[in-house]
PDB file of N, CA and C in Angstrom:
ATOM      1  N   UNK A   1     -12.154 -12.928  29.312  1.00  0.00           N
ATOM      2  CA  UNK A   1     -10.947 -12.469  28.627  1.00  0.00           C
ATOM      3  C   UNK A   1     -10.453 -11.211  29.337  1.00  0.00           C
ATOM      4  N   UNK A   2      -9.191 -11.216  29.709  1.00  0.00           N
ATOM      5  CA  UNK A   2      -8.618 -10.076  30.404  1.00  0.00           C
ATOM      6  C   UNK A   2      -8.456  -8.876  29.501  1.00  0.00           C
ATOM      7  N   UNK A   3      -8.326  -7.738  30.129  1.00  0.00           N
ATOM      8  CA  UNK A   3      -8.172  -6.474  29.397  1.00  0.00           C
ATOM      9  C   UNK A   3      -6.958  -6.525  28.470  1.00  0.00           C
ATOM     10  N   UNK A   4      -5.822  -7.030  28.983  1.00  0.00           N
ATOM     11  CA  UNK A   4      -4.610  -7.114  28.167  1.00  0.00           C
ATOM     12  C   UNK A   4      -4.794  -8.053  26.979  1.00  0.00           C
ATOM     13  N   UNK A   5      -5.483  -9.175  27.209  1.00  0.00           N
ATOM     14  CA  UNK A   5      -5.718 -10.138  26.129  1.00  0.00           C
ATOM     15  C   UNK A   5      -6.595  -9.526  25.045  1.00  0.00           C
ATOM     16  N   UNK A   6      -7.630  -8.820  25.473  1.00  0.00           N
ATOM     17  CA  UNK A   6      -8.537  -8.176  24.514  1.00  0.00           C
ATOM     18  C   UNK A   6      -7.791  -7.121  23.696  1.00  0.00           C
ATOM     19  N   UNK A   7      -6.980  -6.330  24.376  1.00  0.00           N
ATOM     20  CA  UNK A   7      -6.207  -5.295  23.689  1.00  0.00           C
ATOM     21  C   UNK A   7      -5.191  -5.926  22.741  1.00  0.00           C
ATOM     22  N   UNK A   8      -4.530  -6.982  23.200  1.00  0.00           N
ATOM     23  CA  UNK A   8      -3.542  -7.663  22.359  1.00  0.00           C
ATOM     24  C   UNK A   8      -4.206  -8.225  21.105  1.00  0.00           C
ATOM     25  N   UNK A   9      -5.394  -8.792  21.248  1.00  0.00           N
ATOM     26  CA  UNK A   9      -6.132  -9.301  20.088  1.00  0.00           C
ATOM     27  C   UNK A   9      -6.494  -8.174  19.129  1.00  0.00           C
ATOM     28  N   UNK A  10      -6.845  -7.032  19.667  1.00  0.00           N
ATOM     29  CA  UNK A  10      -7.150  -5.873  18.817  1.00  0.00           C
ATOM     30  C   UNK A  10      -5.905  -5.412  18.072  1.00  0.00           C
ATOM     31  N   UNK A  11      -4.785  -5.381  18.770  1.00  0.00           N
ATOM     32  CA  UNK A  11      -3.520  -5.021  18.118  1.00  0.00           C
ATOM     33  C   UNK A  11      -3.183  -6.012  17.006  1.00  0.00           C
ATOM     34  N   UNK A  12      -3.424  -7.287  17.260  1.00  0.00           N
ATOM     35  CA  UNK A  12      -3.143  -8.311  16.246  1.00  0.00           C
ATOM     36  C   UNK A  12      -4.016  -8.111  15.011  1.00  0.00           C
ATOM     37  N   UNK A  13      -5.266  -7.744  15.231  1.00  0.00           N
ATOM     38  CA  UNK A  13      -6.163  -7.485  14.097  1.00  0.00           C
ATOM     39  C   UNK A  13      -5.668  -6.292  13.277  1.00  0.00           C
ATOM     40  N   UNK A  14      -5.215  -5.267  13.969  1.00  0.00           N
ATOM     41  CA  UNK A  14      -4.664  -4.106  13.260  1.00  0.00           C
ATOM     42  C   UNK A  14      -3.392  -4.495  12.510  1.00  0.00           C
ATOM     43  N   UNK A  15      -2.548  -5.290  13.143  1.00  0.00           N
ATOM     44  CA  UNK A  15      -1.328  -5.769  12.504  1.00  0.00           C
ATOM     45  C   UNK A  15      -1.660  -6.541  11.236  1.00  0.00           C
ATOM     46  N   UNK A  16      -2.613  -7.448  11.331  1.00  0.00           N
ATOM     47  CA  UNK A  16      -3.018  -8.234  10.164  1.00  0.00           C
ATOM     48  C   UNK A  16      -3.551  -7.339   9.057  1.00  0.00           C
ATOM     49  N   UNK A  17      -4.324  -6.323   9.415  1.00  0.00           N
ATOM     50  CA  UNK A  17      -4.873  -5.406   8.421  1.00  0.00           C
ATOM     51  C   UNK A  17      -3.755  -4.675   7.680  1.00  0.00           C
ATOM     52  N   UNK A  18      -2.812  -4.124   8.430  1.00  0.00           N
ATOM     53  CA  UNK A  18      -1.729  -3.373   7.801  1.00  0.00           C
ATOM     54  C   UNK A  18      -0.802  -4.278   6.995  1.00  0.00           C
ATOM     55  N   UNK A  19      -0.596  -5.505   7.449  1.00  0.00           N
ATOM     56  CA  UNK A  19       0.188  -6.454   6.651  1.00  0.00           C
ATOM     57  C   UNK A  19      -0.518  -6.744   5.331  1.00  0.00           C
ATOM     58  N   UNK A  20      -1.816  -6.968   5.416  1.00  0.00           N
ATOM     59  CA  UNK A  20      -2.623  -7.228   4.223  1.00  0.00           C
ATOM     60  C   UNK A  20      -2.539  -6.058   3.241  1.00  0.00           C
ATOM     61  N   UNK A  21      -2.717  -4.841   3.737  1.00  0.00           N
ATOM     62  CA  UNK A  21      -2.688  -3.662   2.866  1.00  0.00           C
ATOM     63  C   UNK A  21      -1.311  -3.486   2.228  1.00  0.00           C
ATOM     64  N   UNK A  22      -0.251  -3.731   2.995  1.00  0.00           N
ATOM     65  CA  UNK A  22       1.104  -3.606   2.448  1.00  0.00           C
ATOM     66  C   UNK A  22       1.313  -4.604   1.316  1.00  0.00           C
ATOM     67  N   UNK A  23       0.854  -5.828   1.510  1.00  0.00           N
ATOM     68  CA  UNK A  23       1.002  -6.861   0.477  1.00  0.00           C
ATOM     69  C   UNK A  23       0.176  -6.504  -0.753  1.00  0.00           C
ATOM     70  N   UNK A  24      -1.070  -6.127  -0.552  1.00  0.00           N
ATOM     71  CA  UNK A  24      -1.945  -5.813  -1.688  1.00  0.00           C
ATOM     72  C   UNK A  24      -1.427  -4.607  -2.474  1.00  0.00           C
ATOM     73  N   UNK A  25      -0.997  -3.583  -1.784  1.00  0.00           N
ATOM     74  CA  UNK A  25      -0.465  -2.413  -2.487  1.00  0.00           C
ATOM     75  C   UNK A  25       0.839  -2.747  -3.196  1.00  0.00           C
ATOM     76  N   UNK A  26       1.640  -3.623  -2.615  1.00  0.00           N
ATOM     77  CA  UNK A  26       2.883  -4.049  -3.270  1.00  0.00           C
ATOM     78  C   UNK A  26       2.575  -4.795  -4.560  1.00  0.00           C
ATOM     79  N   UNK A  27       1.571  -5.650  -4.523  1.00  0.00           N
ATOM     80  CA  UNK A  27       1.164  -6.382  -5.736  1.00  0.00           C
ATOM     81  C   UNK A  27       0.662  -5.410  -6.805  1.00  0.00           C
ATOM     82  N   UNK A  28      -0.144  -4.469  -6.391  1.00  0.00           N
ATOM     83  CA  UNK A  28      -0.655  -3.478  -7.344  1.00  0.00           C
ATOM     84  C   UNK A  28       0.478  -2.648  -7.923  1.00  0.00           C
ATOM     85  N   UNK A  29       1.427  -2.277  -7.089  1.00  0.00           N
ATOM     86  CA  UNK A  29       2.570  -1.501  -7.561  1.00  0.00           C
ATOM     87  C   UNK A  29       3.384  -2.305  -8.567  1.00  0.00           C
ATOM     88  N   UNK A  30       3.598  -3.588  -8.305  1.00  0.00           N
ATOM     89  CA  UNK A  30       4.334  -4.437  -9.246  1.00  0.00           C
ATOM     90  C   UNK A  30       3.657  -4.441 -10.614  1.00  0.00           C
ATOM     91  N   UNK A  31       2.345  -4.612 -10.629  1.00  0.00           N
ATOM     92  CA  UNK A  31       1.596  -4.617 -11.889  1.00  0.00           C
ATOM     93  C   UNK A  31       1.707  -3.267 -12.588  1.00  0.00           C
ATOM     94  N   UNK A  32       1.601  -2.217 -11.816  1.00  0.00           N
ATOM     95  CA  UNK A  32       1.689  -0.872 -12.377  1.00  0.00           C
ATOM     96  C   UNK A  32       3.073  -0.616 -12.963  1.00  0.00           C
ATOM     97  N   UNK A  33       4.111  -1.073 -12.273  1.00  0.00           N
ATOM     98  CA  UNK A  33       5.479  -0.879 -12.764  1.00  0.00           C
ATOM     99  C   UNK A  33       5.738  -1.660 -14.049  1.00  0.00           C
ATOM    100  N   UNK A  34       5.023  -2.747 -14.254  1.00  0.00           N
ATOM    101  CA  UNK A  34       5.124  -3.493 -15.519  1.00  0.00           C
ATOM    102  C   UNK A  34       4.346  -2.783 -16.622  1.00  0.00           C
ATOM    103  N   UNK A  35       3.223  -2.197 -16.255  1.00  0.00           N
ATOM    104  CA  UNK A  35       2.355  -1.536 -17.232  1.00  0.00           C
ATOM    105  C   UNK A  35       2.949  -0.238 -17.766  1.00  0.00           C
ATOM    106  N   UNK A  36       3.458   0.594 -16.894  1.00  0.00           N
ATOM    107  CA  UNK A  36       3.888   1.940 -17.297  1.00  0.00           C
ATOM    108  C   UNK A  36       4.869   1.957 -18.467  1.00  0.00           C
ATOM    109  N   UNK A  37       5.910   1.115 -18.482  1.00  0.00           N
ATOM    110  CA  UNK A  37       6.841   1.170 -19.613  1.00  0.00           C
ATOM    111  C   UNK A  37       6.229   0.684 -20.936  1.00  0.00           C
ATOM    112  N   UNK A  38       5.114  -0.025 -20.837  1.00  0.00           N
ATOM    113  CA  UNK A  38       4.455  -0.535 -22.037  1.00  0.00           C
ATOM    114  C   UNK A  38       3.546   0.507 -22.686  1.00  0.00           C
ATOM    115  N   UNK A  39       3.264   1.579 -21.993  1.00  0.00           N
ATOM    116  CA  UNK A  39       2.351   2.597 -22.513  1.00  0.00           C
ATOM    117  C   UNK A  39       3.087   3.566 -23.421  1.00  0.00           C
ATOM    118  N   UNK A  40       2.442   3.895 -24.525  1.00  0.00           N
ATOM    119  CA  UNK A  40       3.003   4.852 -25.481  1.00  0.00           C
ATOM    120  C   UNK A  40       2.747   6.264 -24.957  1.00  0.00           C
ATOM    121  N   UNK A  41       3.834   6.958 -24.652  1.00  0.00           N
ATOM    122  CA  UNK A  41       3.691   8.337 -24.182  1.00  0.00           C
ATOM    123  C   UNK A  41       4.267   9.332 -25.189  1.00  0.00           C
ATOM    124  N   UNK A  42       4.769   8.814 -26.301  1.00  0.00           N
ATOM    125  CA  UNK A  42       5.392   9.663 -27.318  1.00  0.00           C
ATOM    126  C   UNK A  42       4.407  10.109 -28.398  1.00  0.00           C
ATOM    127  N   UNK A  43       3.517   9.231 -28.782  1.00  0.00           N
ATOM    128  CA  UNK A  43       2.600   9.531 -29.885  1.00  0.00           C
ATOM    129  C   UNK A  43       1.506  10.483 -29.430  1.00  0.00           C
ATOM    130  N   UNK A  44       1.048  11.334 -30.360  1.00  0.00           N
ATOM    131  CA  UNK A  44      -0.103  12.179 -30.024  1.00  0.00           C
ATOM    132  C   UNK A  44      -1.297  11.283 -29.674  1.00  0.00           C
ATOM    133  N   UNK A  45      -1.971  11.608 -28.604  1.00  0.00           N
ATOM    134  CA  UNK A  45      -3.079  10.766 -28.146  1.00  0.00           C
ATOM    135  C   UNK A  45      -4.223  11.637 -27.658  1.00  0.00           C
ATOM    136  N   UNK A  46      -5.331  10.987 -27.454  1.00  0.00           N
ATOM    137  CA  UNK A  46      -6.496  11.657 -26.896  1.00  0.00           C
ATOM    138  C   UNK A  46      -6.114  12.244 -25.530  1.00  0.00           C
ATOM    139  N   UNK A  47      -6.560  13.450 -25.229  1.00  0.00           N
ATOM    140  CA  UNK A  47      -6.219  14.066 -23.943  1.00  0.00           C
ATOM    141  C   UNK A  47      -6.609  13.208 -22.732  1.00  0.00           C
ATOM    142  N   UNK A  48      -7.679  12.456 -22.862  1.00  0.00           N
ATOM    143  CA  UNK A  48      -8.089  11.615 -21.729  1.00  0.00           C
ATOM    144  C   UNK A  48      -7.075  10.492 -21.487  1.00  0.00           C
ATOM    145  N   UNK A  49      -6.453   9.984 -22.552  1.00  0.00           N
ATOM    146  CA  UNK A  49      -5.404   8.968 -22.404  1.00  0.00           C
ATOM    147  C   UNK A  49      -4.199   9.575 -21.688  1.00  0.00           C
ATOM    148  N   UNK A  50      -3.793  10.755 -22.128  1.00  0.00           N
ATOM    149  CA  UNK A  50      -2.656  11.426 -21.487  1.00  0.00           C
ATOM    150  C   UNK A  50      -2.921  11.660 -19.999  1.00  0.00           C
ATOM    151  N   UNK A  51      -4.145  12.063 -19.686  1.00  0.00           N
ATOM    152  CA  UNK A  51      -4.505  12.284 -18.281  1.00  0.00           C
ATOM    153  C   UNK A  51      -4.463  10.972 -17.506  1.00  0.00           C
ATOM    154  N   UNK A  52      -4.962   9.905 -18.114  1.00  0.00           N
ATOM    155  CA  UNK A  52      -4.938   8.605 -17.440  1.00  0.00           C
ATOM    156  C   UNK A  52      -3.506   8.138 -17.177  1.00  0.00           C
ATOM    157  N   UNK A  53      -2.614   8.371 -18.125  1.00  0.00           N
ATOM    158  CA  UNK A  53      -1.206   8.010 -17.926  1.00  0.00           C
ATOM    159  C   UNK A  53      -0.623   8.834 -16.779  1.00  0.00           C
ATOM    160  N   UNK A  54      -0.917  10.116 -16.764  1.00  0.00           N
ATOM    161  CA  UNK A  54      -0.463  10.969 -15.653  1.00  0.00           C
ATOM    162  C   UNK A  54      -1.015  10.471 -14.314  1.00  0.00           C
ATOM    163  N   UNK A  55      -2.283  10.079 -14.325  1.00  0.00           N
ATOM    164  CA  UNK A  55      -2.899   9.556 -13.104  1.00  0.00           C
ATOM    165  C   UNK A  55      -2.197   8.283 -12.632  1.00  0.00           C
ATOM    166  N   UNK A  56      -1.802   7.439 -13.576  1.00  0.00           N
ATOM    167  CA  UNK A  56      -1.086   6.215 -13.207  1.00  0.00           C
ATOM    168  C   UNK A  56       0.284   6.532 -12.619  1.00  0.00           C
ATOM    169  N   UNK A  57       0.941   7.538 -13.164  1.00  0.00           N
ATOM    170  CA  UNK A  57       2.234   7.960 -12.601  1.00  0.00           C
ATOM    171  C   UNK A  57       2.043   8.466 -11.164  1.00  0.00           C
ATOM    172  N   UNK A  58       0.971   9.202 -10.952  1.00  0.00           N
ATOM    173  CA  UNK A  58       0.672   9.681  -9.597  1.00  0.00           C
ATOM    174  C   UNK A  58       0.332   8.516  -8.673  1.00  0.00           C
ATOM    175  N   UNK A  59      -0.404   7.566  -9.212  1.00  0.00           N
ATOM    176  CA  UNK A  59      -0.779   6.398  -8.427  1.00  0.00           C
ATOM    177  C   UNK A  59       0.453   5.618  -7.975  1.00  0.00           C
ATOM    178  N   UNK A  60       1.462   5.581  -8.814  1.00  0.00           N
ATOM    179  CA  UNK A  60       2.722   4.918  -8.458  1.00  0.00           C
ATOM    180  C   UNK A  60       3.298   5.536  -7.181  1.00  0.00           C
ATOM    181  N   UNK A  61       3.322   6.845  -7.129  1.00  0.00           N
ATOM    182  CA  UNK A  61       3.835   7.534  -5.938  1.00  0.00           C
ATOM    183  C   UNK A  61       2.955   7.276  -4.713  1.00  0.00           C
ATOM    184  N   UNK A  62       1.661   7.237  -4.944  1.00  0.00           N
ATOM    185  CA  UNK A  62       0.730   6.966  -3.847  1.00  0.00           C
ATOM    186  C   UNK A  62       0.968   5.568  -3.287  1.00  0.00           C
ATOM    187  N   UNK A  63       1.115   4.586  -4.180  1.00  0.00           N
ATOM    188  CA  UNK A  63       1.392   3.218  -3.729  1.00  0.00           C
ATOM    189  C   UNK A  63       2.699   3.159  -2.950  1.00  0.00           C
ATOM    190  N   UNK A  64       3.732   3.770  -3.469  1.00  0.00           N
ATOM    191  CA  UNK A  64       5.036   3.734  -2.796  1.00  0.00           C
ATOM    192  C   UNK A  64       4.949   4.338  -1.396  1.00  0.00           C
ATOM    193  N   UNK A  65       4.260   5.457  -1.302  1.00  0.00           N
ATOM    194  CA  UNK A  65       4.105   6.124  -0.006  1.00  0.00           C
ATOM    195  C   UNK A  65       3.249   5.296   0.947  1.00  0.00           C
ATOM    196  N   UNK A  66       2.158   4.769   0.438  1.00  0.00           N
ATOM    197  CA  UNK A  66       1.264   4.005   1.316  1.00  0.00           C
ATOM    198  C   UNK A  66       1.915   2.708   1.780  1.00  0.00           C
ATOM    199  N   UNK A  67       2.717   2.077   0.929  1.00  0.00           N
ATOM    200  CA  UNK A  67       3.412   0.858   1.344  1.00  0.00           C
ATOM    201  C   UNK A  67       4.347   1.165   2.510  1.00  0.00           C
ATOM    202  N   UNK A  68       5.094   2.242   2.391  1.00  0.00           N
ATOM    203  CA  UNK A  68       5.986   2.632   3.499  1.00  0.00           C
ATOM    204  C   UNK A  68       5.180   2.909   4.769  1.00  0.00           C
ATOM    205  N   UNK A  69       4.060   3.567   4.614  1.00  0.00           N
ATOM    206  CA  UNK A  69       3.205   3.863   5.767  1.00  0.00           C
ATOM    207  C   UNK A  69       2.676   2.574   6.394  1.00  0.00           C
ATOM    208  N   UNK A  70       2.189   1.663   5.568  1.00  0.00           N
ATOM    209  CA  UNK A  70       1.663   0.406   6.093  1.00  0.00           C
ATOM    210  C   UNK A  70       2.759  -0.400   6.779  1.00  0.00           C
ATOM    211  N   UNK A  71       3.949  -0.418   6.196  1.00  0.00           N
ATOM    212  CA  UNK A  71       5.063  -1.135   6.820  1.00  0.00           C
ATOM    213  C   UNK A  71       5.424  -0.515   8.171  1.00  0.00           C
ATOM    214  N   UNK A  72       5.337   0.796   8.254  1.00  0.00           N
ATOM    215  CA  UNK A  72       5.592   1.480   9.520  1.00  0.00           C
ATOM    216  C   UNK A  72       4.541   1.091  10.560  1.00  0.00           C
ATOM    217  N   UNK A  73       3.298   1.015  10.120  1.00  0.00           N
ATOM    218  CA  UNK A  73       2.221   0.610  11.023  1.00  0.00           C
ATOM    219  C   UNK A  73       2.419  -0.838  11.488  1.00  0.00           C
ATOM    220  N   UNK A  74       2.873  -1.699  10.592  1.00  0.00           N
ATOM    221  CA  UNK A  74       3.158  -3.089  10.956  1.00  0.00           C
ATOM    222  C   UNK A  74       4.206  -3.122  12.061  1.00  0.00           C
ATOM    223  N   UNK A  75       5.274  -2.376  11.871  1.00  0.00           N
ATOM    224  CA  UNK A  75       6.330  -2.322  12.893  1.00  0.00           C
ATOM    225  C   UNK A  75       5.782  -1.824  14.229  1.00  0.00           C
ATOM    226  N   UNK A  76       4.953  -0.788  14.158  1.00  0.00           N
ATOM    227  CA  UNK A  76       4.387  -0.213  15.382  1.00  0.00           C
ATOM    228  C   UNK A  76       3.551  -1.244  16.132  1.00  0.00           C
ATOM    229  N   UNK A  77       2.673  -1.956  15.410  1.00  0.00           N
ATOM    230  CA  UNK A  77       1.804  -2.916  16.088  1.00  0.00           C
ATOM    231  C   UNK A  77       2.564  -4.141  16.575  1.00  0.00           C
ATOM    232  N   UNK A  78       3.614  -4.522  15.891  1.00  0.00           N
ATOM    233  CA  UNK A  78       4.458  -5.610  16.408  1.00  0.00           C
ATOM    234  C   UNK A  78       5.076  -5.213  17.744  1.00  0.00           C
ATOM    235  N   UNK A  79       5.552  -3.982  17.825  1.00  0.00           N
ATOM    236  CA  UNK A  79       6.142  -3.497  19.079  1.00  0.00           C
ATOM    237  C   UNK A  79       5.094  -3.415  20.183  1.00  0.00           C
ATOM    238  N   UNK A  80       3.915  -2.909  19.840  1.00  0.00           N
ATOM    239  CA  UNK A  80       2.847  -2.815  20.839  1.00  0.00           C
ATOM    240  C   UNK A  80       2.458  -4.195  21.364  1.00  0.00           C
ATOM    241  N   UNK A  81       2.386  -5.160  20.467  1.00  0.00           N
ATOM    242  CA  UNK A  81       2.049  -6.529  20.876  1.00  0.00           C
ATOM    243  C   UNK A  81       3.129  -7.080  21.803  1.00  0.00           C
ATOM    244  N   UNK A  82       4.368  -6.837  21.450  1.00  0.00           N
ATOM    245  CA  UNK A  82       5.482  -7.330  22.276  1.00  0.00           C
ATOM    246  C   UNK A  82       5.501  -6.694  23.662  1.00  0.00           C
ATOM    247  N   UNK A  83       4.989  -5.475  23.770  1.00  0.00           N
ATOM    248  CA  UNK A  83       5.000  -4.765  25.052  1.00  0.00           C
ATOM    249  C   UNK A  83       3.931  -5.262  26.028  1.00  0.00           C
ATOM    250  N   UNK A  84       2.963  -5.986  25.504  1.00  0.00           N
ATOM    251  CA  UNK A  84       1.873  -6.474  26.381  1.00  0.00           C
ATOM    252  C   UNK A  84       2.300  -7.781  27.030  1.00  0.00           C
TER     253      UNK A  84
END
């Protein structure tokens, strides 16, 4: 196997990984976006519940950011593959 072929295969593996992560995080984000409006944030609740809701709101931002990052990585590896 030539050096370029080996490198191209490695790039493809990275591309597949980032595509997978983008899809999985998108699915998780969809579920989270359905869950959040269903949660009661008005009623007095146990402090641990309030913290968990806050954590889910933070997780939403993390998913959104990571999806953009993974999509950027996908674009990068597609370009790298095309350049070989």
